Amino acid sequence: MPDELIPTLFIIGLLVHFLVCAGLSAYIADEKGCKGINWFFIGLFSGIHGLIAAAGLPDKFFDHFCEEDEIIENEETN
């Protein structure tokens, strides 16, 4: 492999890495009820750290269902 090709492949690899992290961050955040476009840019600029942060987000849909379950349980006990 020519030595001139190595830096080009490295840059292409970095771009692919950051785009994959951005897409996965957006998907995970969207599934958890957050704005995916915001997390796309967070993942794009911070890479794997943004992906880890998106994975650590609380699940807004799950929290909503838990609150409803608590209300129903409280009504049944009263």
Protein backbone atom coordinates (compact mmCIF):
# COMPACT_ATOMS: atom_id res chain seq x y z
CA MET A 1 0.00 0.00 0.00
CA PRO A 2 1.46 3.39 -0.94
CA ASP A 3 2.38 5.68 1.94
CA GLU A 4 0.31 8.51 0.44
CA LEU A 5 -2.88 6.44 0.80
CA ILE A 6 -2.59 5.83 4.56
CA PRO A 7 -3.58 9.37 5.72
CA THR A 8 -6.53 9.36 3.32
CA LEU A 9 -7.79 6.03 4.64
CA PHE A 10 -7.35 7.29 8.21
CA ILE A 11 -9.47 10.38 7.50
CA ILE A 12 -12.15 8.29 5.78
CA GLY A 13 -12.16 5.92 8.76
CA LEU A 14 -12.62 8.82 11.18
CA LEU A 15 -15.48 10.25 9.13
CA VAL A 16 -17.23 6.88 9.03
CA HIS A 17 -16.70 6.45 12.78
CA PHE A 18 -18.20 9.84 13.64
CA LEU A 19 -21.13 9.41 11.24
CA VAL A 20 -21.97 5.98 12.68
CA CYS A 21 -21.77 7.35 16.23
CA ALA A 22 -23.98 10.28 15.22
CA GLY A 23 -26.59 8.04 13.62
CA LEU A 24 -26.70 5.62 16.53
CA SER A 25 -26.87 8.47 19.06
CA ALA A 26 -29.81 10.00 17.19
CA TYR A 27 -31.61 6.66 16.96
CA ILE A 28 -31.14 5.79 20.63
CA ALA A 29 -32.17 9.26 21.80
CA ASP A 30 -35.24 9.22 19.55
CA GLU A 31 -36.26 5.81 20.91
CA LYS A 32 -35.94 7.21 24.43
CA GLY A 33 -38.19 10.18 23.64
CA CYS A 34 -35.56 12.88 23.09
CA LYS A 35 -34.93 14.96 19.98
CA GLY A 36 -32.87 12.83 17.65
CA ILE A 37 -31.48 15.72 15.61
CA ASN A 38 -29.88 17.28 18.68
CA TRP A 39 -28.27 13.99 19.60
CA PHE A 40 -27.13 13.48 16.00
CA PHE A 41 -24.93 16.55 16.31
CA ILE A 42 -23.78 15.59 19.80
CA GLY A 43 -22.73 12.19 18.46
CA LEU A 44 -21.16 13.77 15.38
CA PHE A 45 -18.93 16.11 17.36
CA SER A 46 -18.15 13.88 20.34
CA GLY A 47 -18.06 10.41 18.76
CA ILE A 48 -18.23 7.45 21.10
CA HIS A 49 -18.71 9.73 24.12
CA GLY A 50 -21.96 11.07 22.66
CA LEU A 51 -23.11 7.54 21.96
CA ILE A 52 -22.45 6.53 25.56
CA ALA A 53 -24.28 9.63 26.79
CA ALA A 54 -27.29 8.84 24.58
CA ALA A 55 -27.36 5.30 25.92
CA GLY A 56 -27.41 6.69 29.46
CA LEU A 57 -30.42 8.92 28.86
CA PRO A 58 -33.49 8.17 30.95
CA ASP A 59 -36.37 6.63 29.04
CA LYS A 60 -39.09 9.30 28.93
CA PHE A 61 -41.71 6.88 27.64
CA PHE A 62 -40.97 4.39 30.41
CA ASP A 63 -41.11 7.11 33.09
CA HIS A 64 -44.50 8.17 31.76
CA PHE A 65 -45.86 4.65 32.03
CA CYS A 66 -44.43 4.22 35.53
CA GLU A 67 -46.20 7.38 36.71
CA GLU A 68 -49.52 6.09 35.34
CA ASP A 69 -49.01 2.75 37.10
CA GLU A 70 -48.37 4.53 40.40
CA ILE A 71 -51.53 6.62 39.98
CA ILE A 72 -53.61 3.52 39.22
CA GLU A 73 -52.15 1.68 42.25
CA ASN A 74 -52.90 4.66 44.51
CA GLU A 75 -56.50 4.85 43.26
CA GLU A 76 -57.01 1.12 43.84
CA THR A 77 -55.76 1.31 47.45
CA ASN A 78 -58.03 4.24 48.31
